[in-house]
PDB file of N, CA and C in Angstrom:
ATOM      1  N   MET A   1      49.116 119.168  81.879  1.00  0.00           N
ATOM      2  CA  MET A   1      50.313 118.866  82.623  1.00  0.00           C
ATOM      3  C   MET A   1      50.945 117.590  82.068  1.00  0.00           C
ATOM      4  N   VAL A   2      52.249 117.547  82.053  1.00  0.00           N
ATOM      5  CA  VAL A   2      52.980 116.376  81.569  1.00  0.00           C
ATOM      6  C   VAL A   2      53.155 115.413  82.751  1.00  0.00           C
ATOM      7  N   PRO A   3      52.606 114.199  82.673  1.00  0.00           N
ATOM      8  CA  PRO A   3      52.670 113.262  83.802  1.00  0.00           C
ATOM      9  C   PRO A   3      54.094 112.963  84.277  1.00  0.00           C
ATOM     10  N   GLU A   4      55.045 112.876  83.373  1.00  0.00           N
ATOM     11  CA  GLU A   4      56.422 112.553  83.742  1.00  0.00           C
ATOM     12  C   GLU A   4      57.100 113.669  84.534  1.00  0.00           C
ATOM     13  N   TYR A   5      56.672 114.904  84.369  1.00  0.00           N
ATOM     14  CA  TYR A   5      57.340 116.038  85.000  1.00  0.00           C
ATOM     15  C   TYR A   5      56.651 116.529  86.267  1.00  0.00           C
ATOM     16  N   GLU A   6      55.335 116.388  86.356  1.00  0.00           N
ATOM     17  CA  GLU A   6      54.560 116.809  87.529  1.00  0.00           C
ATOM     18  C   GLU A   6      54.817 118.268  87.911  1.00  0.00           C
ATOM     19  N   ARG A   7      54.815 119.134  86.915  1.00  0.00           N
ATOM     20  CA  ARG A   7      54.976 120.576  87.138  1.00  0.00           C
ATOM     21  C   ARG A   7      53.860 121.306  86.419  1.00  0.00           C
ATOM     22  N   GLU A   8      53.297 122.301  87.075  1.00  0.00           N
ATOM     23  CA  GLU A   8      52.187 123.059  86.502  1.00  0.00           C
ATOM     24  C   GLU A   8      52.606 123.911  85.305  1.00  0.00           C
ATOM     25  N   ASP A   9      53.863 124.326  85.262  1.00  0.00           N
ATOM     26  CA  ASP A   9      54.313 125.217  84.196  1.00  0.00           C
ATOM     27  C   ASP A   9      54.802 124.477  82.953  1.00  0.00           C
ATOM     28  N   ILE A  10      54.819 123.151  83.001  1.00  0.00           N
ATOM     29  CA  ILE A  10      55.208 122.364  81.828  1.00  0.00           C
ATOM     30  C   ILE A  10      53.973 121.643  81.309  1.00  0.00           C
ATOM     31  N   ARG A  11      53.667 121.895  80.057  1.00  0.00           N
ATOM     32  CA  ARG A  11      52.461 121.337  79.436  1.00  0.00           C
ATOM     33  C   ARG A  11      52.840 120.599  78.156  1.00  0.00           C
ATOM     34  N   GLU A  12      51.834 119.939  77.584  1.00  0.00           N
ATOM     35  CA  GLU A  12      52.063 119.238  76.324  1.00  0.00           C
ATOM     36  C   GLU A  12      50.835 119.344  75.439  1.00  0.00           C
ATOM     37  N   VAL A  13      51.084 119.219  74.169  1.00  0.00           N
ATOM     38  CA  VAL A  13      50.018 119.151  73.181  1.00  0.00           C
ATOM     39  C   VAL A  13      50.392 118.024  72.228  1.00  0.00           C
ATOM     40  N   PHE A  14      49.385 117.310  71.767  1.00  0.00           N
ATOM     41  CA  PHE A  14      49.621 116.202  70.855  1.00  0.00           C
ATOM     42  C   PHE A  14      49.275 116.643  69.436  1.00  0.00           C
ATOM     43  N   PHE A  15      50.221 116.447  68.552  1.00  0.00           N
ATOM     44  CA  PHE A  15      50.036 116.688  67.124  1.00  0.00           C
ATOM     45  C   PHE A  15      50.456 115.384  66.478  1.00  0.00           C
ATOM     46  N   HIS A  16      49.486 114.498  66.346  1.00  0.00           N
ATOM     47  CA  HIS A  16      49.720 113.102  65.979  1.00  0.00           C
ATOM     48  C   HIS A  16      50.701 112.974  64.819  1.00  0.00           C
ATOM     49  N   PRO A  17      51.742 112.209  64.978  1.00  0.00           N
ATOM     50  CA  PRO A  17      52.117 111.283  66.047  1.00  0.00           C
ATOM     51  C   PRO A  17      53.131 111.856  67.031  1.00  0.00           C
ATOM     52  N   TYR A  18      53.126 113.164  67.266  1.00  0.00           N
ATOM     53  CA  TYR A  18      54.151 113.784  68.107  1.00  0.00           C
ATOM     54  C   TYR A  18      53.574 114.378  69.380  1.00  0.00           C
ATOM     55  N   ARG A  19      54.421 114.450  70.409  1.00  0.00           N
ATOM     56  CA  ARG A  19      54.138 115.183  71.638  1.00  0.00           C
ATOM     57  C   ARG A  19      55.013 116.427  71.619  1.00  0.00           C
ATOM     58  N   ILE A  20      54.403 117.566  71.803  1.00  0.00           N
ATOM     59  CA  ILE A  20      55.145 118.817  71.884  1.00  0.00           C
ATOM     60  C   ILE A  20      55.067 119.269  73.339  1.00  0.00           C
ATOM     61  N   ILE A  21      56.204 119.300  73.983  1.00  0.00           N
ATOM     62  CA  ILE A  21      56.261 119.634  75.406  1.00  0.00           C
ATOM     63  C   ILE A  21      56.852 121.034  75.525  1.00  0.00           C
ATOM     64  N   TYR A  22      56.161 121.874  76.292  1.00  0.00           N
ATOM     65  CA  TYR A  22      56.578 123.265  76.368  1.00  0.00           C
ATOM     66  C   TYR A  22      56.492 123.800  77.794  1.00  0.00           C
ATOM     67  N   LEU A  23      57.256 124.840  78.043  1.00  0.00           N
ATOM     68  CA  LEU A  23      57.317 125.507  79.335  1.00  0.00           C
ATOM     69  C   LEU A  23      56.605 126.845  79.211  1.00  0.00           C
ATOM     70  N   ILE A  24      55.692 127.114  80.138  1.00  0.00           N
ATOM     71  CA  ILE A  24      54.982 128.396  80.154  1.00  0.00           C
ATOM     72  C   ILE A  24      55.785 129.370  81.011  1.00  0.00           C
ATOM     73  N   LYS A  25      56.150 130.485  80.414  1.00  0.00           N
ATOM     74  CA  LYS A  25      56.896 131.524  81.125  1.00  0.00           C
ATOM     75  C   LYS A  25      55.973 132.728  81.257  1.00  0.00           C
ATOM     76  N   ASP A  26      55.211 132.748  82.334  1.00  0.00           N
ATOM     77  CA  ASP A  26      54.196 133.785  82.541  1.00  0.00           C
ATOM     78  C   ASP A  26      54.771 135.189  82.616  1.00  0.00           C
ATOM     79  N   GLN A  27      55.859 135.349  83.338  1.00  0.00           N
ATOM     80  CA  GLN A  27      56.401 136.694  83.519  1.00  0.00           C
ATOM     81  C   GLN A  27      56.899 137.289  82.204  1.00  0.00           C
ATOM     82  N   GLU A  28      57.455 136.443  81.329  1.00  0.00           N
ATOM     83  CA  GLU A  28      57.928 136.931  80.043  1.00  0.00           C
ATOM     84  C   GLU A  28      56.843 136.882  78.969  1.00  0.00           C
ATOM     85  N   LYS A  29      55.718 136.230  79.299  1.00  0.00           N
ATOM     86  CA  LYS A  29      54.557 136.106  78.409  1.00  0.00           C
ATOM     87  C   LYS A  29      54.888 135.378  77.113  1.00  0.00           C
ATOM     88  N   PHE A  30      55.609 134.257  77.249  1.00  0.00           N
ATOM     89  CA  PHE A  30      55.859 133.412  76.091  1.00  0.00           C
ATOM     90  C   PHE A  30      56.057 131.981  76.550  1.00  0.00           C
ATOM     91  N   ILE A  31      56.183 131.084  75.591  1.00  0.00           N
ATOM     92  CA  ILE A  31      56.446 129.687  75.904  1.00  0.00           C
ATOM     93  C   ILE A  31      57.782 129.287  75.303  1.00  0.00           C
ATOM     94  N   GLU A  32      58.380 128.260  75.880  1.00  0.00           N
ATOM     95  CA  GLU A  32      59.631 127.712  75.371  1.00  0.00           C
ATOM     96  C   GLU A  32      59.387 126.238  75.054  1.00  0.00           C
ATOM     97  N   ILE A  33      59.666 125.843  73.817  1.00  0.00           N
ATOM     98  CA  ILE A  33      59.514 124.446  73.424  1.00  0.00           C
ATOM     99  C   ILE A  33      60.661 123.654  74.047  1.00  0.00           C
ATOM    100  N   LEU A  34      60.315 122.646  74.830  1.00  0.00           N
ATOM    101  CA  LEU A  34      61.326 121.822  75.484  1.00  0.00           C
ATOM    102  C   LEU A  34      61.658 120.577  74.674  1.00  0.00           C
ATOM    103  N   SER A  35      60.630 120.017  74.017  1.00  0.00           N
ATOM    104  CA  SER A  35      60.862 118.765  73.308  1.00  0.00           C
ATOM    105  C   SER A  35      59.747 118.501  72.307  1.00  0.00           C
ATOM    106  N   VAL A  36      60.127 117.900  71.195  1.00  0.00           N
ATOM    107  CA  VAL A  36      59.164 117.369  70.230  1.00  0.00           C
ATOM    108  C   VAL A  36      59.584 115.928  70.001  1.00  0.00           C
ATOM    109  N   ILE A  37      58.753 115.001  70.479  1.00  0.00           N
ATOM    110  CA  ILE A  37      59.109 113.584  70.392  1.00  0.00           C
ATOM    111  C   ILE A  37      57.954 112.789  69.823  1.00  0.00           C
ATOM    112  N   HIS A  38      58.271 111.641  69.274  1.00  0.00           N
ATOM    113  CA  HIS A  38      57.236 110.734  68.795  1.00  0.00           C
ATOM    114  C   HIS A  38      56.474 110.217  70.001  1.00  0.00           C
ATOM    115  N   GLU A  39      55.157 110.139  69.899  1.00  0.00           N
ATOM    116  CA  GLU A  39      54.345 109.768  71.059  1.00  0.00           C
ATOM    117  C   GLU A  39      54.611 108.354  71.576  1.00  0.00           C
ATOM    118  N   ALA A  40      55.218 107.495  70.791  1.00  0.00           N
ATOM    119  CA  ALA A  40      55.524 106.134  71.229  1.00  0.00           C
ATOM    120  C   ALA A  40      56.792 106.064  72.085  1.00  0.00           C
ATOM    121  N   ARG A  41      57.574 107.139  72.108  1.00  0.00           N
ATOM    122  CA  ARG A  41      58.845 107.151  72.867  1.00  0.00           C
ATOM    123  C   ARG A  41      58.607 107.634  74.287  1.00  0.00           C
ATOM    124  N   PHE A  42      59.470 107.184  75.194  1.00  0.00           N
ATOM    125  CA  PHE A  42      59.419 107.626  76.583  1.00  0.00           C
ATOM    126  C   PHE A  42      60.339 108.827  76.757  1.00  0.00           C
ATOM    127  N   LEU A  43      59.989 109.701  77.697  1.00  0.00           N
ATOM    128  CA  LEU A  43      60.882 110.806  78.038  1.00  0.00           C
ATOM    129  C   LEU A  43      62.018 110.245  78.874  1.00  0.00           C
ATOM    130  N   SER A  44      63.222 110.658  78.573  1.00  0.00           N
ATOM    131  CA  SER A  44      64.395 110.056  79.219  1.00  0.00           C
ATOM    132  C   SER A  44      64.746 110.680  80.562  1.00  0.00           C
ATOM    133  N   ARG A  45      64.434 111.962  80.747  1.00  0.00           N
ATOM    134  CA  ARG A  45      64.813 112.594  82.014  1.00  0.00           C
ATOM    135  C   ARG A  45      63.904 113.769  82.304  1.00  0.00           C
ATOM    136  N   LYS A  46      63.913 114.193  83.555  1.00  0.00           N
ATOM    137  CA  LYS A  46      63.122 115.339  83.965  1.00  0.00           C
ATOM    138  C   LYS A  46      63.907 116.623  83.716  1.00  0.00           C
ATOM    139  N   PRO A  47      63.207 117.732  83.454  1.00  0.00           N
ATOM    140  CA  PRO A  47      63.922 118.992  83.208  1.00  0.00           C
ATOM    141  C   PRO A  47      64.554 119.525  84.477  1.00  0.00           C
ATOM    142  N   ASP A  48      65.548 120.386  84.331  1.00  0.00           N
ATOM    143  CA  ASP A  48      66.218 120.996  85.491  1.00  0.00           C
ATOM    144  C   ASP A  48      65.372 122.049  86.125  1.00  0.00           C
TER     145      ASP A  48
END
């Protein structure tokens, strides 16, 4: 779970030095990449 978003369907994986943040879409059985950011940067806003 991504601490900034506090949603079960939004997850992250670290691929040093990046954070890959993605949305799990269970009904469609795929994921959507929401953001790829450098791990030193802060997320600017929460998703809609």
